[in-house]
């Protein structure tokens, strides 16, 4: 008798657990937006992001230029020399490992040849 009651209780719990799963599937994501409206929204977001990025870069450049402008002439010369020296020391170094690993070998090597014009004579 006890075993029969335990089986019934477990079967009810089992059915209730599957009923909960079916509720979750019914209340899934809403599909009220069309593909075109999503595309327009992504395009607007991308345009906003580009504008924000452009403003941020301009602000950083303005700060950098101001920093250079307030330096004395000797300091500007020293900054220029140290920048050149750092560039010379960096030029002979290898590229980082992942850049070498995932390097596109064909990019930049092909040069488009101009098409020859054929005459009608």
PDB file of N, CA and C in Angstrom:
ATOM      1  N   UNK A   1       0.811  -1.181   0.000  1.00  0.00           N
ATOM      2  CA  UNK A   1       0.000   0.000   0.000  1.00  0.00           C
ATOM      3  C   UNK A   1       0.868   1.265   0.000  1.00  0.00           C
ATOM      4  N   UNK A   2       1.877   1.291   0.855  1.00  0.00           N
ATOM      5  CA  UNK A   2       2.751   2.461   0.923  1.00  0.00           C
ATOM      6  C   UNK A   2       3.500   2.657  -0.392  1.00  0.00           C
ATOM      7  N   UNK A   3       3.892   1.560  -0.993  1.00  0.00           N
ATOM      8  CA  UNK A   3       4.635   1.641  -2.249  1.00  0.00           C
ATOM      9  C   UNK A   3       3.752   2.240  -3.335  1.00  0.00           C
ATOM     10  N   UNK A   4       2.477   1.869  -3.358  1.00  0.00           N
ATOM     11  CA  UNK A   4       1.548   2.378  -4.348  1.00  0.00           C
ATOM     12  C   UNK A   4       1.355   3.894  -4.161  1.00  0.00           C
ATOM     13  N   UNK A   5       1.240   4.360  -2.927  1.00  0.00           N
ATOM     14  CA  UNK A   5       1.065   5.791  -2.645  1.00  0.00           C
ATOM     15  C   UNK A   5       2.333   6.550  -3.045  1.00  0.00           C
ATOM     16  N   UNK A   6       3.501   6.001  -2.763  1.00  0.00           N
ATOM     17  CA  UNK A   6       4.763   6.639  -3.122  1.00  0.00           C
ATOM     18  C   UNK A   6       4.887   6.750  -4.631  1.00  0.00           C
ATOM     19  N   UNK A   7       4.485   5.700  -5.372  1.00  0.00           N
ATOM     20  CA  UNK A   7       4.518   5.740  -6.826  1.00  0.00           C
ATOM     21  C   UNK A   7       3.602   6.823  -7.375  1.00  0.00           C
ATOM     22  N   UNK A   8       2.435   6.961  -6.806  1.00  0.00           N
ATOM     23  CA  UNK A   8       1.478   7.972  -7.252  1.00  0.00           C
ATOM     24  C   UNK A   8       2.037   9.375  -7.005  1.00  0.00           C
ATOM     25  N   UNK A   9       2.615   9.591  -5.830  1.00  0.00           N
ATOM     26  CA  UNK A   9       3.178  10.900  -5.498  1.00  0.00           C
ATOM     27  C   UNK A   9       4.321  11.242  -6.452  1.00  0.00           C
ATOM     28  N   UNK A  10       5.200  10.280  -6.702  1.00  0.00           N
ATOM     29  CA  UNK A  10       6.316  10.526  -7.619  1.00  0.00           C
ATOM     30  C   UNK A  10       5.836  10.771  -9.048  1.00  0.00           C
ATOM     31  N   UNK A  11       4.801  10.049  -9.473  1.00  0.00           N
ATOM     32  CA  UNK A  11       4.283  10.268 -10.826  1.00  0.00           C
ATOM     33  C   UNK A  11       3.653  11.657 -10.946  1.00  0.00           C
ATOM     34  N   UNK A  12       2.970  12.126  -9.911  1.00  0.00           N
ATOM     35  CA  UNK A  12       2.404  13.477  -9.928  1.00  0.00           C
ATOM     36  C   UNK A  12       3.503  14.532  -9.976  1.00  0.00           C
ATOM     37  N   UNK A  13       4.537  14.350  -9.186  1.00  0.00           N
ATOM     38  CA  UNK A  13       5.656  15.294  -9.203  1.00  0.00           C
ATOM     39  C   UNK A  13       6.345  15.302 -10.561  1.00  0.00           C
ATOM     40  N   UNK A  14       6.449  14.106 -11.143  1.00  0.00           N
ATOM     41  CA  UNK A  14       7.071  13.991 -12.461  1.00  0.00           C
ATOM     42  C   UNK A  14       6.247  14.739 -13.512  1.00  0.00           C
ATOM     43  N   UNK A  15       4.932  14.574 -13.477  1.00  0.00           N
ATOM     44  CA  UNK A  15       4.054  15.261 -14.441  1.00  0.00           C
ATOM     45  C   UNK A  15       4.095  16.772 -14.235  1.00  0.00           C
ATOM     46  N   UNK A  16       4.109  17.202 -12.985  1.00  0.00           N
ATOM     47  CA  UNK A  16       4.161  18.639 -12.705  1.00  0.00           C
ATOM     48  C   UNK A  16       5.469  19.261 -13.182  1.00  0.00           C
ATOM     49  N   UNK A  17       6.552  18.499 -13.091  1.00  0.00           N
ATOM     50  CA  UNK A  17       7.834  19.044 -13.547  1.00  0.00           C
ATOM     51  C   UNK A  17       7.823  19.238 -15.062  1.00  0.00           C
ATOM     52  N   UNK A  18       7.209  18.326 -15.814  1.00  0.00           N
ATOM     53  CA  UNK A  18       7.134  18.494 -17.266  1.00  0.00           C
ATOM     54  C   UNK A  18       6.161  19.612 -17.644  1.00  0.00           C
ATOM     55  N   UNK A  19       5.140  19.817 -16.839  1.00  0.00           N
ATOM     56  CA  UNK A  19       4.202  20.894 -17.107  1.00  0.00           C
ATOM     57  C   UNK A  19       4.924  22.240 -16.978  1.00  0.00           C
ATOM     58  N   UNK A  20       5.819  22.358 -16.038  1.00  0.00           N
ATOM     59  CA  UNK A  20       6.601  23.579 -15.860  1.00  0.00           C
ATOM     60  C   UNK A  20       7.487  23.836 -17.083  1.00  0.00           C
ATOM     61  N   UNK A  21       8.075  22.799 -17.640  1.00  0.00           N
ATOM     62  CA  UNK A  21       8.916  22.943 -18.827  1.00  0.00           C
ATOM     63  C   UNK A  21       8.079  23.418 -20.007  1.00  0.00           C
ATOM     64  N   UNK A  22       6.882  22.889 -20.145  1.00  0.00           N
ATOM     65  CA  UNK A  22       6.039  23.317 -21.262  1.00  0.00           C
ATOM     66  C   UNK A  22       5.612  24.773 -21.090  1.00  0.00           C
ATOM     67  N   UNK A  23       5.413  25.237 -19.864  1.00  0.00           N
ATOM     68  CA  UNK A  23       5.081  26.649 -19.645  1.00  0.00           C
ATOM     69  C   UNK A  23       6.232  27.531 -20.100  1.00  0.00           C
ATOM     70  N   UNK A  24       7.442  27.094 -19.818  1.00  0.00           N
ATOM     71  CA  UNK A  24       8.607  27.892 -20.198  1.00  0.00           C
ATOM     72  C   UNK A  24       8.708  28.012 -21.711  1.00  0.00           C
ATOM     73  N   UNK A  25       8.334  26.967 -22.427  1.00  0.00           N
ATOM     74  CA  UNK A  25       8.411  27.023 -23.876  1.00  0.00           C
ATOM     75  C   UNK A  25       7.310  27.897 -24.462  1.00  0.00           C
ATOM     76  N   UNK A  26       6.164  27.950 -23.821  1.00  0.00           N
ATOM     77  CA  UNK A  26       5.079  28.782 -24.318  1.00  0.00           C
ATOM     78  C   UNK A  26       5.384  30.261 -24.169  1.00  0.00           C
ATOM     79  N   UNK A  27       6.047  30.629 -23.105  1.00  0.00           N
ATOM     80  CA  UNK A  27       6.359  32.034 -22.851  1.00  0.00           C
ATOM     81  C   UNK A  27       7.749  32.394 -23.351  1.00  0.00           C
ATOM     82  N   UNK A  28       8.076  31.988 -24.551  1.00  0.00           N
ATOM     83  CA  UNK A  28       9.388  32.225 -25.131  1.00  0.00           C
ATOM     84  C   UNK A  28       9.534  33.654 -25.633  1.00  0.00           C
ATOM     85  N   UNK A  29      10.571  33.909 -26.415  1.00  0.00           N
ATOM     86  CA  UNK A  29      10.809  35.261 -26.905  1.00  0.00           C
ATOM     87  C   UNK A  29       9.703  35.710 -27.857  1.00  0.00           C
ATOM     88  N   UNK A  30       9.366  36.965 -27.760  1.00  0.00           N
ATOM     89  CA  UNK A  30       8.327  37.533 -28.610  1.00  0.00           C
ATOM     90  C   UNK A  30       8.897  37.829 -29.989  1.00  0.00           C
ATOM     91  N   UNK A  31       8.130  37.577 -31.021  1.00  0.00           N
ATOM     92  CA  UNK A  31       8.578  37.820 -32.389  1.00  0.00           C
ATOM     93  C   UNK A  31       7.760  38.954 -32.993  1.00  0.00           C
ATOM     94  N   UNK A  32       7.706  40.078 -32.287  1.00  0.00           N
ATOM     95  CA  UNK A  32       6.903  41.179 -32.779  1.00  0.00           C
ATOM     96  C   UNK A  32       7.691  42.093 -33.728  1.00  0.00           C
ATOM     97  N   UNK A  33       9.014  42.009 -33.711  1.00  0.00           N
ATOM     98  CA  UNK A  33       9.811  42.836 -34.604  1.00  0.00           C
ATOM     99  C   UNK A  33      10.082  42.085 -35.905  1.00  0.00           C
ATOM    100  N   UNK A  34       9.977  42.801 -37.000  1.00  0.00           N
ATOM    101  CA  UNK A  34      10.281  42.181 -38.276  1.00  0.00           C
ATOM    102  C   UNK A  34      11.782  42.238 -38.530  1.00  0.00           C
ATOM    103  N   UNK A  35      12.216  41.544 -39.545  1.00  0.00           N
ATOM    104  CA  UNK A  35      13.643  41.509 -39.882  1.00  0.00           C
ATOM    105  C   UNK A  35      14.102  42.891 -40.328  1.00  0.00           C
ATOM    106  N   UNK A  36      13.258  43.593 -41.074  1.00  0.00           N
ATOM    107  CA  UNK A  36      13.645  44.924 -41.555  1.00  0.00           C
ATOM    108  C   UNK A  36      13.822  45.903 -40.410  1.00  0.00           C
ATOM    109  N   UNK A  37      12.937  45.855 -39.422  1.00  0.00           N
ATOM    110  CA  UNK A  37      13.072  46.786 -38.308  1.00  0.00           C
ATOM    111  C   UNK A  37      14.309  46.457 -37.470  1.00  0.00           C
ATOM    112  N   UNK A  38      14.633  45.167 -37.336  1.00  0.00           N
ATOM    113  CA  UNK A  38      15.853  44.791 -36.616  1.00  0.00           C
ATOM    114  C   UNK A  38      17.077  45.305 -37.358  1.00  0.00           C
ATOM    115  N   UNK A  39      17.048  45.170 -38.688  1.00  0.00           N
ATOM    116  CA  UNK A  39      18.172  45.630 -39.507  1.00  0.00           C
ATOM    117  C   UNK A  39      18.335  47.147 -39.369  1.00  0.00           C
ATOM    118  N   UNK A  40      17.217  47.864 -39.390  1.00  0.00           N
ATOM    119  CA  UNK A  40      17.279  49.323 -39.231  1.00  0.00           C
ATOM    120  C   UNK A  40      17.833  49.697 -37.864  1.00  0.00           C
ATOM    121  N   UNK A  41      17.422  48.952 -36.841  1.00  0.00           N
ATOM    122  CA  UNK A  41      17.910  49.230 -35.489  1.00  0.00           C
ATOM    123  C   UNK A  41      19.414  48.977 -35.391  1.00  0.00           C
ATOM    124  N   UNK A  42      19.890  47.865 -35.976  1.00  0.00           N
ATOM    125  CA  UNK A  42      21.331  47.580 -35.965  1.00  0.00           C
ATOM    126  C   UNK A  42      22.098  48.659 -36.710  1.00  0.00           C
ATOM    127  N   UNK A  43      21.554  49.101 -37.836  1.00  0.00           N
ATOM    128  CA  UNK A  43      22.212  50.133 -38.629  1.00  0.00           C
ATOM    129  C   UNK A  43      22.292  51.436 -37.847  1.00  0.00           C
ATOM    130  N   UNK A  44      21.214  51.793 -37.159  1.00  0.00           N
ATOM    131  CA  UNK A  44      21.212  53.013 -36.354  1.00  0.00           C
ATOM    132  C   UNK A  44      22.207  52.895 -35.198  1.00  0.00           C
ATOM    133  N   UNK A  45      22.254  51.722 -34.567  1.00  0.00           N
ATOM    134  CA  UNK A  45      23.201  51.509 -33.467  1.00  0.00           C
ATOM    135  C   UNK A  45      24.636  51.623 -33.953  1.00  0.00           C
ATOM    136  N   UNK A  46      24.906  51.056 -35.128  1.00  0.00           N
ATOM    137  CA  UNK A  46      26.261  51.111 -35.681  1.00  0.00           C
ATOM    138  C   UNK A  46      26.648  52.552 -36.006  1.00  0.00           C
ATOM    139  N   UNK A  47      25.706  53.309 -36.560  1.00  0.00           N
ATOM    140  CA  UNK A  47      25.983  54.708 -36.888  1.00  0.00           C
ATOM    141  C   UNK A  47      26.264  55.511 -35.621  1.00  0.00           C
ATOM    142  N   UNK A  48      25.483  55.256 -34.589  1.00  0.00           N
ATOM    143  CA  UNK A  48      25.692  55.942 -33.307  1.00  0.00           C
ATOM    144  C   UNK A  48      27.047  55.574 -32.710  1.00  0.00           C
ATOM    145  N   UNK A  49      27.416  54.285 -32.793  1.00  0.00           N
ATOM    146  CA  UNK A  49      28.701  53.833 -32.255  1.00  0.00           C
ATOM    147  C   UNK A  49      29.856  54.486 -33.007  1.00  0.00           C
ATOM    148  N   UNK A  50      29.738  54.583 -34.349  1.00  0.00           N
ATOM    149  CA  UNK A  50      30.801  55.209 -35.138  1.00  0.00           C
ATOM    150  C   UNK A  50      30.955  56.679 -34.782  1.00  0.00           C
ATOM    151  N   UNK A  51      29.836  57.364 -34.613  1.00  0.00           N
ATOM    152  CA  UNK A  51      29.888  58.788 -34.247  1.00  0.00           C
ATOM    153  C   UNK A  51      30.535  58.967 -32.875  1.00  0.00           C
ATOM    154  N   UNK A  52      30.165  58.100 -31.939  1.00  0.00           N
ATOM    155  CA  UNK A  52      30.753  58.165 -30.601  1.00  0.00           C
ATOM    156  C   UNK A  52      32.252  57.895 -30.644  1.00  0.00           C
ATOM    157  N   UNK A  53      32.646  56.901 -31.442  1.00  0.00           N
ATOM    158  CA  UNK A  53      34.065  56.571 -31.580  1.00  0.00           C
ATOM    159  C   UNK A  53      34.832  57.718 -32.213  1.00  0.00           C
ATOM    160  N   UNK A  54      34.250  58.374 -33.222  1.00  0.00           N
ATOM    161  CA  UNK A  54      34.896  59.504 -33.884  1.00  0.00           C
ATOM    162  C   UNK A  54      35.105  60.657 -32.897  1.00  0.00           C
ATOM    163  N   UNK A  55      34.092  60.942 -32.086  1.00  0.00           N
ATOM    164  CA  UNK A  55      34.215  62.012 -31.090  1.00  0.00           C
ATOM    165  C   UNK A  55      35.278  61.670 -30.042  1.00  0.00           C
ATOM    166  N   UNK A  56      35.314  60.411 -29.627  1.00  0.00           N
ATOM    167  CA  UNK A  56      36.282  59.994 -28.614  1.00  0.00           C
ATOM    168  C   UNK A  56      37.706  60.126 -29.146  1.00  0.00           C
ATOM    169  N   UNK A  57      37.922  59.688 -30.396  1.00  0.00           N
ATOM    170  CA  UNK A  57      39.255  59.804 -30.986  1.00  0.00           C
ATOM    171  C   UNK A  57      39.665  61.261 -31.157  1.00  0.00           C
ATOM    172  N   UNK A  58      38.728  62.104 -31.564  1.00  0.00           N
ATOM    173  CA  UNK A  58      39.042  63.523 -31.725  1.00  0.00           C
ATOM    174  C   UNK A  58      39.420  64.138 -30.385  1.00  0.00           C
ATOM    175  N   UNK A  59      38.717  63.763 -29.337  1.00  0.00           N
ATOM    176  CA  UNK A  59      39.018  64.281 -28.002  1.00  0.00           C
ATOM    177  C   UNK A  59      40.409  63.818 -27.546  1.00  0.00           C
ATOM    178  N   UNK A  60      40.742  62.546 -27.786  1.00  0.00           N
ATOM    179  CA  UNK A  60      42.065  62.041 -27.406  1.00  0.00           C
ATOM    180  C   UNK A  60      43.166  62.762 -28.180  1.00  0.00           C
ATOM    181  N   UNK A  61      42.917  63.012 -29.458  1.00  0.00           N
ATOM    182  CA  UNK A  61      43.904  63.721 -30.268  1.00  0.00           C
ATOM    183  C   UNK A  61      44.089  65.144 -29.770  1.00  0.00           C
ATOM    184  N   UNK A  62      42.993  65.783 -29.379  1.00  0.00           N
ATOM    185  CA  UNK A  62      43.060  67.146 -28.872  1.00  0.00           C
ATOM    186  C   UNK A  62      43.887  67.196 -27.585  1.00  0.00           C
ATOM    187  N   UNK A  63      43.685  66.206 -26.719  1.00  0.00           N
ATOM    188  CA  UNK A  63      44.442  66.146 -25.465  1.00  0.00           C
ATOM    189  C   UNK A  63      45.929  65.941 -25.749  1.00  0.00           C
ATOM    190  N   UNK A  64      46.238  65.039 -26.688  1.00  0.00           N
ATOM    191  CA  UNK A  64      47.627  64.756 -27.034  1.00  0.00           C
ATOM    192  C   UNK A  64      48.311  65.992 -27.630  1.00  0.00           C
ATOM    193  N   UNK A  65      47.606  66.684 -28.526  1.00  0.00           N
ATOM    194  CA  UNK A  65      48.164  67.891 -29.132  1.00  0.00           C
ATOM    195  C   UNK A  65      48.408  68.980 -28.085  1.00  0.00           C
ATOM    196  N   UNK A  66      47.474  69.103 -27.142  1.00  0.00           N
ATOM    197  CA  UNK A  66      47.647  70.098 -26.088  1.00  0.00           C
ATOM    198  C   UNK A  66      48.871  69.766 -25.234  1.00  0.00           C
ATOM    199  N   UNK A  67      49.052  68.484 -24.937  1.00  0.00           N
ATOM    200  CA  UNK A  67      50.206  68.063 -24.140  1.00  0.00           C
ATOM    201  C   UNK A  67      51.513  68.406 -24.859  1.00  0.00           C
ATOM    202  N   UNK A  68      51.545  68.172 -26.168  1.00  0.00           N
ATOM    203  CA  UNK A  68      52.747  68.503 -26.932  1.00  0.00           C
ATOM    204  C   UNK A  68      52.973  70.007 -26.980  1.00  0.00           C
ATOM    205  N   UNK A  69      51.907  70.758 -27.130  1.00  0.00           N
ATOM    206  CA  UNK A  69      52.031  72.208 -27.300  1.00  0.00           C
ATOM    207  C   UNK A  69      52.564  72.895 -26.041  1.00  0.00           C
ATOM    208  N   UNK A  70      52.242  72.376 -24.873  1.00  0.00           N
ATOM    209  CA  UNK A  70      52.675  73.054 -23.649  1.00  0.00           C
ATOM    210  C   UNK A  70      54.114  72.732 -23.266  1.00  0.00           C
ATOM    211  N   UNK A  71      54.770  71.815 -23.994  1.00  0.00           N
ATOM    212  CA  UNK A  71      56.158  71.485 -23.699  1.00  0.00           C
ATOM    213  C   UNK A  71      57.086  72.557 -24.281  1.00  0.00           C
ATOM    214  N   UNK A  72      58.276  72.670 -23.698  1.00  0.00           N
ATOM    215  CA  UNK A  72      59.255  73.617 -24.235  1.00  0.00           C
ATOM    216  C   UNK A  72      59.884  73.040 -25.491  1.00  0.00           C
ATOM    217  N   UNK A  73      60.626  73.878 -26.205  1.00  0.00           N
ATOM    218  CA  UNK A  73      61.218  73.455 -27.469  1.00  0.00           C
ATOM    219  C   UNK A  73      62.204  72.299 -27.260  1.00  0.00           C
ATOM    220  N   UNK A  74      63.026  72.369 -26.207  1.00  0.00           N
ATOM    221  CA  UNK A  74      64.009  71.318 -25.940  1.00  0.00           C
ATOM    222  C   UNK A  74      63.317  69.991 -25.627  1.00  0.00           C
ATOM    223  N   UNK A  75      62.237  70.068 -24.871  1.00  0.00           N
ATOM    224  CA  UNK A  75      61.513  68.841 -24.506  1.00  0.00           C
ATOM    225  C   UNK A  75      60.871  68.228 -25.746  1.00  0.00           C
ATOM    226  N   UNK A  76      60.321  69.063 -26.617  1.00  0.00           N
ATOM    227  CA  UNK A  76      59.723  68.538 -27.853  1.00  0.00           C
ATOM    228  C   UNK A  76      60.767  67.830 -28.702  1.00  0.00           C
ATOM    229  N   UNK A  77      61.986  68.403 -28.790  1.00  0.00           N
ATOM    230  CA  UNK A  77      63.061  67.761 -29.551  1.00  0.00           C
ATOM    231  C   UNK A  77      63.431  66.420 -28.924  1.00  0.00           C
ATOM    232  N   UNK A  78      63.522  66.405 -27.589  1.00  0.00           N
ATOM    233  CA  UNK A  78      63.873  65.174 -26.897  1.00  0.00           C
ATOM    234  C   UNK A  78      62.788  64.111 -27.091  1.00  0.00           C
ATOM    235  N   UNK A  79      61.531  64.536 -27.060  1.00  0.00           N
ATOM    236  CA  UNK A  79      60.425  63.604 -27.293  1.00  0.00           C
ATOM    237  C   UNK A  79      60.496  63.024 -28.701  1.00  0.00           C
ATOM    238  N   UNK A  80      60.817  63.866 -29.670  1.00  0.00           N
ATOM    239  CA  UNK A  80      60.904  63.422 -31.055  1.00  0.00           C
ATOM    240  C   UNK A  80      62.036  62.413 -31.226  1.00  0.00           C
ATOM    241  N   UNK A  81      63.210  62.722 -30.628  1.00  0.00           N
ATOM    242  CA  UNK A  81      64.352  61.811 -30.739  1.00  0.00           C
ATOM    243  C   UNK A  81      64.052  60.465 -30.083  1.00  0.00           C
ATOM    244  N   UNK A  82      63.445  60.490 -28.908  1.00  0.00           N
ATOM    245  CA  UNK A  82      63.166  59.228 -28.216  1.00  0.00           C
ATOM    246  C   UNK A  82      62.098  58.419 -28.964  1.00  0.00           C
ATOM    247  N   UNK A  83      61.173  59.103 -29.614  1.00  0.00           N
ATOM    248  CA  UNK A  83      60.171  58.393 -30.407  1.00  0.00           C
ATOM    249  C   UNK A  83      60.825  57.725 -31.614  1.00  0.00           C
ATOM    250  N   UNK A  84      61.748  58.428 -32.263  1.00  0.00           N
ATOM    251  CA  UNK A  84      62.447  57.846 -33.408  1.00  0.00           C
ATOM    252  C   UNK A  84      63.306  56.664 -32.979  1.00  0.00           C
ATOM    253  N   UNK A  85      64.006  56.820 -31.861  1.00  0.00           N
ATOM    254  CA  UNK A  85      64.860  55.743 -31.366  1.00  0.00           C
ATOM    255  C   UNK A  85      64.032  54.507 -31.007  1.00  0.00           C
ATOM    256  N   UNK A  86      62.873  54.731 -30.390  1.00  0.00           N
ATOM    257  CA  UNK A  86      61.997  53.612 -30.034  1.00  0.00           C
ATOM    258  C   UNK A  86      61.490  52.917 -31.291  1.00  0.00           C
ATOM    259  N   UNK A  87      61.181  53.692 -32.321  1.00  0.00           N
ATOM    260  CA  UNK A  87      60.731  53.099 -33.580  1.00  0.00           C
ATOM    261  C   UNK A  87      61.807  52.265 -34.226  1.00  0.00           C
ATOM    262  N   UNK A  88      63.055  52.740 -34.197  1.00  0.00           N
ATOM    263  CA  UNK A  88      64.158  51.981 -34.775  1.00  0.00           C
ATOM    264  C   UNK A  88      64.382  50.676 -34.015  1.00  0.00           C
ATOM    265  N   UNK A  89      64.270  50.719 -32.701  1.00  0.00           N
ATOM    266  CA  UNK A  89      64.457  49.509 -31.906  1.00  0.00           C
ATOM    267  C   UNK A  89      63.310  48.525 -32.100  1.00  0.00           C
ATOM    268  N   UNK A  90      62.130  49.029 -32.408  1.00  0.00           N
ATOM    269  CA  UNK A  90      60.959  48.169 -32.550  1.00  0.00           C
ATOM    270  C   UNK A  90      60.864  47.556 -33.950  1.00  0.00           C
ATOM    271  N   UNK A  91      61.497  48.176 -34.956  1.00  0.00           N
ATOM    272  CA  UNK A  91      61.326  47.745 -36.338  1.00  0.00           C
ATOM    273  C   UNK A  91      61.849  46.339 -36.600  1.00  0.00           C
ATOM    274  N   UNK A  92      62.936  45.962 -35.948  1.00  0.00           N
ATOM    275  CA  UNK A  92      63.529  44.662 -36.263  1.00  0.00           C
ATOM    276  C   UNK A  92      62.925  43.517 -35.453  1.00  0.00           C
ATOM    277  N   UNK A  93      61.949  43.806 -34.618  1.00  0.00           N
ATOM    278  CA  UNK A  93      61.326  42.757 -33.806  1.00  0.00           C
ATOM    279  C   UNK A  93      60.352  41.946 -34.650  1.00  0.00           C
ATOM    280  N   UNK A  94      60.120  40.714 -34.242  1.00  0.00           N
ATOM    281  CA  UNK A  94      59.129  39.869 -34.923  1.00  0.00           C
ATOM    282  C   UNK A  94      57.732  40.286 -34.513  1.00  0.00           C
ATOM    283  N   UNK A  95      56.775  39.895 -35.336  1.00  0.00           N
ATOM    284  CA  UNK A  95      55.390  40.144 -34.985  1.00  0.00           C
ATOM    285  C   UNK A  95      54.999  39.231 -33.822  1.00  0.00           C
ATOM    286  N   UNK A  96      53.995  39.602 -33.033  1.00  0.00           N
ATOM    287  CA  UNK A  96      53.544  38.728 -31.951  1.00  0.00           C
ATOM    288  C   UNK A  96      53.078  37.367 -32.485  1.00  0.00           C
ATOM    289  N   UNK A  97      53.101  36.384 -31.597  1.00  0.00           N
ATOM    290  CA  UNK A  97      52.841  35.005 -31.991  1.00  0.00           C
ATOM    291  C   UNK A  97      51.503  34.831 -32.698  1.00  0.00           C
ATOM    292  N   UNK A  98      50.430  35.379 -32.126  1.00  0.00           N
ATOM    293  CA  UNK A  98      49.121  35.171 -32.724  1.00  0.00           C
ATOM    294  C   UNK A  98      48.974  35.903 -34.055  1.00  0.00           C
ATOM    295  N   UNK A  99      49.660  37.016 -34.207  1.00  0.00           N
ATOM    296  CA  UNK A  99      49.605  37.701 -35.498  1.00  0.00           C
ATOM    297  C   UNK A  99      50.330  36.883 -36.558  1.00  0.00           C
ATOM    298  N   UNK A 100      51.431  36.242 -36.174  1.00  0.00           N
ATOM    299  CA  UNK A 100      52.129  35.385 -37.134  1.00  0.00           C
ATOM    300  C   UNK A 100      51.319  34.144 -37.434  1.00  0.00           C
ATOM    301  N   UNK A 101      50.654  33.608 -36.416  1.00  0.00           N
ATOM    302  CA  UNK A 101      49.901  32.381 -36.568  1.00  0.00           C
ATOM    303  C   UNK A 101      48.694  32.563 -37.488  1.00  0.00           C
ATOM    304  N   UNK A 102      47.982  33.683 -37.325  1.00  0.00           N
ATOM    305  CA  UNK A 102      46.770  33.923 -38.093  1.00  0.00           C
ATOM    306  C   UNK A 102      46.983  34.980 -39.166  1.00  0.00           C
ATOM    307  N   UNK A 103      48.177  35.090 -39.668  1.00  0.00           N
ATOM    308  CA  UNK A 103      48.506  36.095 -40.670  1.00  0.00           C
ATOM    309  C   UNK A 103      47.894  35.722 -42.007  1.00  0.00           C
ATOM    310  N   UNK A 104      47.306  36.684 -42.678  1.00  0.00           N
ATOM    311  CA  UNK A 104      46.778  36.446 -44.015  1.00  0.00           C
ATOM    312  C   UNK A 104      47.919  36.646 -44.997  1.00  0.00           C
ATOM    313  N   UNK A 105      48.312  35.590 -45.637  1.00  0.00           N
ATOM    314  CA  UNK A 105      49.496  35.670 -46.490  1.00  0.00           C
ATOM    315  C   UNK A 105      49.220  36.410 -47.787  1.00  0.00           C
ATOM    316  N   UNK A 106      47.990  36.380 -48.295  1.00  0.00           N
ATOM    317  CA  UNK A 106      47.711  36.989 -49.591  1.00  0.00           C
ATOM    318  C   UNK A 106      47.346  38.454 -49.512  1.00  0.00           C
ATOM    319  N   UNK A 107      47.102  38.955 -48.334  1.00  0.00           N
ATOM    320  CA  UNK A 107      46.623  40.320 -48.206  1.00  0.00           C
ATOM    321  C   UNK A 107      47.741  41.313 -48.496  1.00  0.00           C
ATOM    322  N   UNK A 108      47.491  42.216 -49.396  1.00  0.00           N
ATOM    323  CA  UNK A 108      48.436  43.278 -49.691  1.00  0.00           C
ATOM    324  C   UNK A 108      49.476  42.927 -50.723  1.00  0.00           C
ATOM    325  N   UNK A 109      49.571  41.679 -51.131  1.00  0.00           N
ATOM    326  CA  UNK A 109      50.613  41.289 -52.074  1.00  0.00           C
ATOM    327  C   UNK A 109      50.151  41.417 -53.521  1.00  0.00           C
ATOM    328  N   UNK A 110      48.861  41.284 -53.721  1.00  0.00           N
ATOM    329  CA  UNK A 110      48.351  41.356 -55.081  1.00  0.00           C
ATOM    330  C   UNK A 110      48.160  42.802 -55.498  1.00  0.00           C
ATOM    331  N   UNK A 111      48.608  43.093 -56.672  1.00  0.00           N
ATOM    332  CA  UNK A 111      48.433  44.426 -57.221  1.00  0.00           C
ATOM    333  C   UNK A 111      47.559  44.293 -58.448  1.00  0.00           C
ATOM    334  N   UNK A 112      46.508  45.091 -58.497  1.00  0.00           N
ATOM    335  CA  UNK A 112      45.610  45.006 -59.640  1.00  0.00           C
ATOM    336  C   UNK A 112      46.283  45.603 -60.865  1.00  0.00           C
ATOM    337  N   UNK A 113      46.233  44.851 -61.919  1.00  0.00           N
ATOM    338  CA  UNK A 113      46.799  45.317 -63.182  1.00  0.00           C
ATOM    339  C   UNK A 113      45.713  46.080 -63.932  1.00  0.00           C
ATOM    340  N   UNK A 114      46.070  47.221 -64.506  1.00  0.00           N
ATOM    341  CA  UNK A 114      45.053  47.960 -65.264  1.00  0.00           C
ATOM    342  C   UNK A 114      44.651  47.179 -66.507  1.00  0.00           C
ATOM    343  N   UNK A 115      43.366  47.251 -66.824  1.00  0.00           N
ATOM    344  CA  UNK A 115      42.869  46.533 -67.989  1.00  0.00           C
ATOM    345  C   UNK A 115      43.312  47.252 -69.261  1.00  0.00           C
ATOM    346  N   UNK A 116      43.674  46.457 -70.204  1.00  0.00           N
ATOM    347  CA  UNK A 116      44.091  47.031 -71.489  1.00  0.00           C
ATOM    348  C   UNK A 116      42.861  47.430 -72.286  1.00  0.00           C
ATOM    349  N   UNK A 117      42.939  48.584 -72.893  1.00  0.00           N
ATOM    350  CA  UNK A 117      41.818  49.051 -73.701  1.00  0.00           C
ATOM    351  C   UNK A 117      41.948  48.454 -75.091  1.00  0.00           C
ATOM    352  N   UNK A 118      40.868  47.903 -75.549  1.00  0.00           N
ATOM    353  CA  UNK A 118      40.866  47.328 -76.896  1.00  0.00           C
ATOM    354  C   UNK A 118      40.278  48.333 -77.863  1.00  0.00           C
ATOM    355  N   UNK A 119      40.894  48.484 -78.976  1.00  0.00           N
ATOM    356  CA  UNK A 119      40.378  49.428 -79.961  1.00  0.00           C
ATOM    357  C   UNK A 119      39.412  48.714 -80.894  1.00  0.00           C
ATOM    358  N   UNK A 120      38.503  49.468 -81.471  1.00  0.00           N
ATOM    359  CA  UNK A 120      37.482  48.873 -82.333  1.00  0.00           C
ATOM    360  C   UNK A 120      37.955  48.739 -83.777  1.00  0.00           C
ATOM    361  N   UNK A 121      39.142  49.164 -84.097  1.00  0.00           N
ATOM    362  CA  UNK A 121      39.628  49.080 -85.486  1.00  0.00           C
ATOM    363  C   UNK A 121      40.257  47.772 -85.788  1.00  0.00           C
TER     364      UNK A 121
END
